[in-house]
C-alpha atoms as a PDB file:
ATOM      1  CA  MET A   1       0.608  -0.094   0.264  1.00  0.00           C
ATOM      2  CA  THR A   2       3.093   2.292   0.180  1.00  0.00           C
ATOM      3  CA  ASP A   3       3.408   2.519  -3.257  1.00  0.00           C
ATOM      4  CA  LEU A   4      -0.365   3.111  -3.637  1.00  0.00           C
ATOM      5  CA  THR A   5      -0.554   6.052  -1.223  1.00  0.00           C
ATOM      6  CA  THR A   6       2.753   7.660  -2.609  1.00  0.00           C
ATOM      7  CA  ARG A   7       0.758   7.583  -5.830  1.00  0.00           C
ATOM      8  CA  GLU A   8      -2.222   9.052  -4.311  1.00  0.00           C
ATOM      9  CA  LYS A   9      -0.339  11.953  -2.659  1.00  0.00           C
ATOM     10  CA  PHE A  10       1.612  12.460  -5.879  1.00  0.00           C
ATOM     11  CA  LYS A  11      -1.392  13.280  -7.294  1.00  0.00           C
ATOM     12  CA  GLN A  12      -3.505  15.011  -4.749  1.00  0.00           C
ATOM     13  CA  HIS A  13      -0.415  17.460  -4.494  1.00  0.00           C
ATOM     14  CA  ILE A  14      -0.589  17.700  -8.187  1.00  0.00           C
ATOM     15  CA  ILE A  15      -4.506  18.702  -8.167  1.00  0.00           C
ATOM     16  CA  LYS A  16      -4.159  21.122  -5.680  1.00  0.00           C
ATOM     17  CA  LEU A  17      -2.279  22.951  -8.199  1.00  0.00           C
ATOM     18  CA  PRO A  18      -3.564  25.472 -10.700  1.00  0.00           C
ATOM     19  CA  LYS A  19      -4.010  24.360 -14.110  1.00  0.00           C
ATOM     20  CA  TRP A  20      -1.620  26.813 -14.969  1.00  0.00           C
ATOM     21  CA  LEU A  21       1.223  25.370 -13.302  1.00  0.00           C
ATOM     22  CA  GLN A  22       0.361  21.911 -14.159  1.00  0.00           C
ATOM     23  CA  PHE A  23       0.913  22.707 -17.586  1.00  0.00           C
ATOM     24  CA  VAL A  24       3.967  24.441 -17.245  1.00  0.00           C
ATOM     25  CA  LEU A  25       4.931  21.777 -14.952  1.00  0.00           C
ATOM     26  CA  ILE A  26       4.284  19.332 -17.917  1.00  0.00           C
ATOM     27  CA  PHE A  27       4.948  21.279 -21.049  1.00  0.00           C
ATOM     28  CA  ALA A  28       8.080  23.129 -20.268  1.00  0.00           C
ATOM     29  CA  PRO A  29      10.382  20.133 -20.384  1.00  0.00           C
ATOM     30  CA  TYR A  30       9.376  19.053 -23.600  1.00  0.00           C
ATOM     31  CA  VAL A  31       9.595  22.334 -24.833  1.00  0.00           C
ATOM     32  CA  THR A  32      13.371  22.386 -23.709  1.00  0.00           C
ATOM     33  CA  LEU A  33      13.984  19.264 -24.894  1.00  0.00           C
ATOM     34  CA  PHE A  34      12.691  19.865 -28.417  1.00  0.00           C
ATOM     35  CA  TYR A  35      14.141  22.986 -28.719  1.00  0.00           C
ATOM     36  CA  PHE A  36      17.432  22.457 -27.990  1.00  0.00           C
ATOM     37  CA  ASP A  37      17.631  18.387 -29.850  1.00  0.00           C
ATOM     38  CA  LEU A  38      15.130  18.053 -32.785  1.00  0.00           C
ATOM     39  CA  SER A  39      13.495  20.403 -35.908  1.00  0.00           C
ATOM     40  CA  PHE A  40      10.034  22.059 -35.882  1.00  0.00           C
ATOM     41  CA  TRP A  41       8.104  18.718 -36.568  1.00  0.00           C
ATOM     42  CA  GLY A  42       9.859  17.384 -33.614  1.00  0.00           C
ATOM     43  CA  GLN A  43       8.908  20.217 -31.722  1.00  0.00           C
ATOM     44  CA  LEU A  44       5.332  20.200 -32.922  1.00  0.00           C
ATOM     45  CA  TYR A  45       4.888  16.239 -32.311  1.00  0.00           C
ATOM     46  CA  GLY A  46       6.179  16.548 -28.529  1.00  0.00           C
ATOM     47  CA  ALA A  47       3.582  19.597 -27.775  1.00  0.00           C
ATOM     48  CA  LEU A  48       0.781  17.601 -29.265  1.00  0.00           C
ATOM     49  CA  MET A  49       1.851  14.577 -27.421  1.00  0.00           C
ATOM     50  CA  VAL A  50       1.932  16.404 -23.966  1.00  0.00           C
ATOM     51  CA  LEU A  51      -1.326  18.121 -24.882  1.00  0.00           C
ATOM     52  CA  PHE A  52      -2.604  15.256 -25.602  1.00  0.00           C
ATOM     53  CA  ALA A  53      -1.891  13.573 -22.273  1.00  0.00           C
ATOM     54  CA  PHE A  54      -4.313  15.648 -20.845  1.00  0.00           C
ATOM     55  CA  TYR A  55      -7.375  13.948 -22.884  1.00  0.00           C
ATOM     56  CA  ILE A  56      -6.031  10.661 -21.626  1.00  0.00           C
ATOM     57  CA  THR A  57      -5.677  11.231 -17.774  1.00  0.00           C
ATOM     58  CA  PRO A  58      -8.516  14.176 -17.342  1.00  0.00           C
ATOM     59  CA  ASP A  59      -8.807  12.898 -14.075  1.00  0.00           C
ATOM     60  CA  ALA A  60      -5.200  13.617 -12.998  1.00  0.00           C
ATOM     61  CA  PHE A  61      -5.445  17.164 -14.081  1.00  0.00           C
ATOM     62  CA  SER A  62      -8.974  18.194 -12.674  1.00  0.00           C
ATOM     63  CA  ARG A  63      -9.779  19.288  -9.497  1.00  0.00           C
ATOM     64  CA  SER A  64     -12.922  16.916  -9.826  1.00  0.00           C
ATOM     65  CA  HIS A  65     -11.050  13.795  -8.717  1.00  0.00           C
ATOM     66  CA  ASN A  66     -13.360  10.599  -7.871  1.00  0.00           C
ATOM     67  CA  ARG A  67     -12.919  10.481  -4.389  1.00  0.00           C
ATOM     68  CA  SER A  68     -15.349  10.818  -1.464  1.00  0.00           C
ATOM     69  CA  GLU A  69     -15.132  12.160   1.897  1.00  0.00           C
ATOM     70  CA  VAL A  70     -17.911  10.134   3.868  1.00  0.00           C
ATOM     71  CA  LYS A  71     -18.481   9.970   7.990  1.00  0.00           C
ATOM     72  CA  ASN A  72     -20.085   6.623   7.755  1.00  0.00           C
ATOM     73  CA  ILE A  73     -18.487   3.804   5.507  1.00  0.00           C
ATOM     74  CA  MET A  74     -20.098   1.473   6.998  1.00  0.00           C
ATOM     75  CA  ALA A  75     -23.694   3.073   5.915  1.00  0.00           C
ATOM     76  CA  LEU A  76     -22.221   2.616   2.321  1.00  0.00           C
ATOM     77  CA  LEU A  77     -20.626  -1.158   2.510  1.00  0.00           C
ATOM     78  CA  ASP A  78     -23.425  -3.886   1.548  1.00  0.00           C
ATOM     79  CA  ALA A  79     -22.579  -7.529   0.821  1.00  0.00           C
ATOM     80  CA  GLN A  80     -25.732  -8.534  -1.781  1.00  0.00           C
ATOM     81  CA  GLY A  81     -25.865 -11.980  -2.626  1.00  0.00           C
ATOM     82  CA  ASP A  82     -22.945 -12.350  -5.219  1.00  0.00           C
ATOM     83  CA  LYS A  83     -22.592  -8.799  -5.542  1.00  0.00           C
ATOM     84  CA  LEU A  84     -20.844  -5.764  -3.276  1.00  0.00           C
ATOM     85  CA  ARG A  85     -22.169  -2.742  -3.076  1.00  0.00           C
ATOM     86  CA  VAL A  86     -20.544   0.488  -2.429  1.00  0.00           C
ATOM     87  CA  GLY A  87     -22.544   3.691  -2.264  1.00  0.00           C
ATOM     88  CA  LEU A  88     -24.390   3.936  -6.068  1.00  0.00           C
ATOM     89  CA  GLU A  89     -21.800   1.285  -7.405  1.00  0.00           C
ATOM     90  CA  GLN A  90     -22.041  -2.308  -7.081  1.00  0.00           C
ATOM     91  CA  VAL A  91     -19.344  -5.237  -8.608  1.00  0.00           C
ATOM     92  CA  PRO A  92     -19.862  -8.974  -8.893  1.00  0.00           C
ATOM     93  CA  SER A  93     -17.519 -10.265  -6.106  1.00  0.00           C
ATOM     94  CA  THR A  94     -16.337 -13.055  -8.676  1.00  0.00           C
ATOM     95  CA  LYS A  95     -14.842  -9.587 -10.183  1.00  0.00           C
ATOM     96  CA  LEU A  96     -13.265  -8.121  -7.427  1.00  0.00           C
ATOM     97  CA  LYS A  97      -9.993  -9.980  -6.526  1.00  0.00           C
ATOM     98  CA  ARG A  98      -8.273  -6.823  -4.128  1.00  0.00           C
ATOM     99  CA  VAL A  99      -9.501  -4.122  -2.345  1.00  0.00           C
ATOM    100  CA  ALA A 100      -6.868  -1.364  -0.328  1.00  0.00           C
ATOM    101  CA  VAL A 101      -8.247  -0.362   2.781  1.00  0.00           C
ATOM    102  CA  GLY A 102      -5.798   1.751   5.223  1.00  0.00           C
ATOM    103  CA  GLU A 103      -4.383   4.121   6.620  1.00  0.00           C
ATOM    104  CA  TYR A 104      -4.468   7.957   4.708  1.00  0.00           C
ATOM    105  CA  ASN A 105      -3.737  10.129   7.131  1.00  0.00           C
ATOM    106  CA  LYS A 106      -3.566  10.861  10.998  1.00  0.00           C
ATOM    107  CA  SER A 107      -7.382  11.066  11.223  1.00  0.00           C
ATOM    108  CA  SER A 108      -8.499   8.998   8.025  1.00  0.00           C
ATOM    109  CA  ALA A 109      -8.586   6.027   6.357  1.00  0.00           C
ATOM    110  CA  ILE A 110      -9.449   5.223   2.532  1.00  0.00           C
ATOM    111  CA  LEU A 111     -11.004   2.148   1.181  1.00  0.00           C
ATOM    112  CA  SER A 112     -10.112   1.463  -2.540  1.00  0.00           C
ATOM    113  CA  PHE A 113     -10.896  -0.391  -5.886  1.00  0.00           C
ATOM    114  CA  PRO A 114      -7.209   0.338  -7.419  1.00  0.00           C
ATOM    115  CA  PHE A 115      -7.463  -3.217  -9.861  1.00  0.00           C
ATOM    116  CA  ASN A 116     -11.314  -2.841 -10.543  1.00  0.00           C
ATOM    117  CA  TYR A 117     -12.571   0.091 -13.015  1.00  0.00           C
ATOM    118  CA  GLN A 118     -16.632  -0.855 -11.788  1.00  0.00           C
ATOM    119  CA  ILE A 119     -15.954   1.545  -8.311  1.00  0.00           C
ATOM    120  CA  SER A 120     -14.446   4.437  -9.226  1.00  0.00           C
ATOM    121  CA  HIS A 121     -13.976   6.132  -6.113  1.00  0.00           C
ATOM    122  CA  HIS A 122     -12.028   5.938  -3.541  1.00  0.00           C
ATOM    123  CA  TYR A 123     -13.989   6.741  -0.293  1.00  0.00           C
ATOM    124  CA  VAL A 124     -12.149   8.407   2.648  1.00  0.00           C
ATOM    125  CA  PHE A 125     -13.736   7.946   5.967  1.00  0.00           C
ATOM    126  CA  PRO A 126     -13.270   8.252  10.167  1.00  0.00           C
ATOM    127  CA  ILE A 127      -9.994   5.932  10.876  1.00  0.00           C
ATOM    128  CA  GLN A 128     -11.921   4.842  13.905  1.00  0.00           C
ATOM    129  CA  GLN A 129     -13.911   2.421  11.052  1.00  0.00           C
ATOM    130  CA  LEU A 130     -11.526   1.001   9.772  1.00  0.00           C
ATOM    131  CA  ASP A 131     -11.033  -2.412  11.737  1.00  0.00           C
ATOM    132  CA  SER A 132     -14.856  -2.737  10.881  1.00  0.00           C
ATOM    133  CA  VAL A 133     -14.343  -2.168   6.747  1.00  0.00           C
ATOM    134  CA  ARG A 134     -11.727  -4.620   7.180  1.00  0.00           C
ATOM    135  CA  GLU A 135     -14.136  -6.920   8.974  1.00  0.00           C
ATOM    136  CA  PHE A 136     -17.173  -6.197   6.622  1.00  0.00           C
ATOM    137  CA  PHE A 137     -14.498  -7.852   3.877  1.00  0.00           C
ATOM    138  CA  LYS A 138     -12.997 -10.485   5.800  1.00  0.00           C
ATOM    139  CA  THR A 139     -16.401 -11.979   6.733  1.00  0.00           C
ATOM    140  CA  ASN A 140     -18.455 -11.397   3.485  1.00  0.00           C
ATOM    141  CA  TYR A 141     -15.426 -11.522   1.031  1.00  0.00           C
ATOM    142  CA  PRO A 142     -12.829 -14.058   2.269  1.00  0.00           C
ATOM    143  CA  GLN A 143     -11.520 -14.808  -1.404  1.00  0.00           C
ATOM    144  CA  ILE A 144     -10.353 -10.982  -1.087  1.00  0.00           C
ATOM    145  CA  ASP A 145      -6.970 -10.055  -0.915  1.00  0.00           C
ATOM    146  CA  LEU A 146      -6.715  -6.900   1.385  1.00  0.00           C
ATOM    147  CA  ILE A 147      -3.975  -4.316   0.409  1.00  0.00           C
ATOM    148  CA  THR A 148      -2.977  -2.596   3.631  1.00  0.00           C
END
């Protein structure tokens, strides 16, 4: 989970930056590289690739990140037969292999589904509920690997 949280922390820092600064931080190295090493077409190609990156990963460059802060995560979790429901999203338990549950910061914990595209949100909740969430998955879905 250390790689995941490090990556998440980095994303959070990038998302907090103003749009123009994100653009400069990503675009400036390419401009410098292509200006000194390649011709006009190389510069143009590099610039288009960087601009295209904004369309490939829009969530990494926007403030509307898919992280929800909730007060009671247990109210969102529900085992419905062979499906796991988290809030309004649900996934068949057969498609769910790993769930990341751990400390987000000193007062919060995070529930994430990093290897499953069907549940797109990351849920940040009070750290006092962390043991309850782990117990929920161990009880209802023992086949799922809990990444902590």
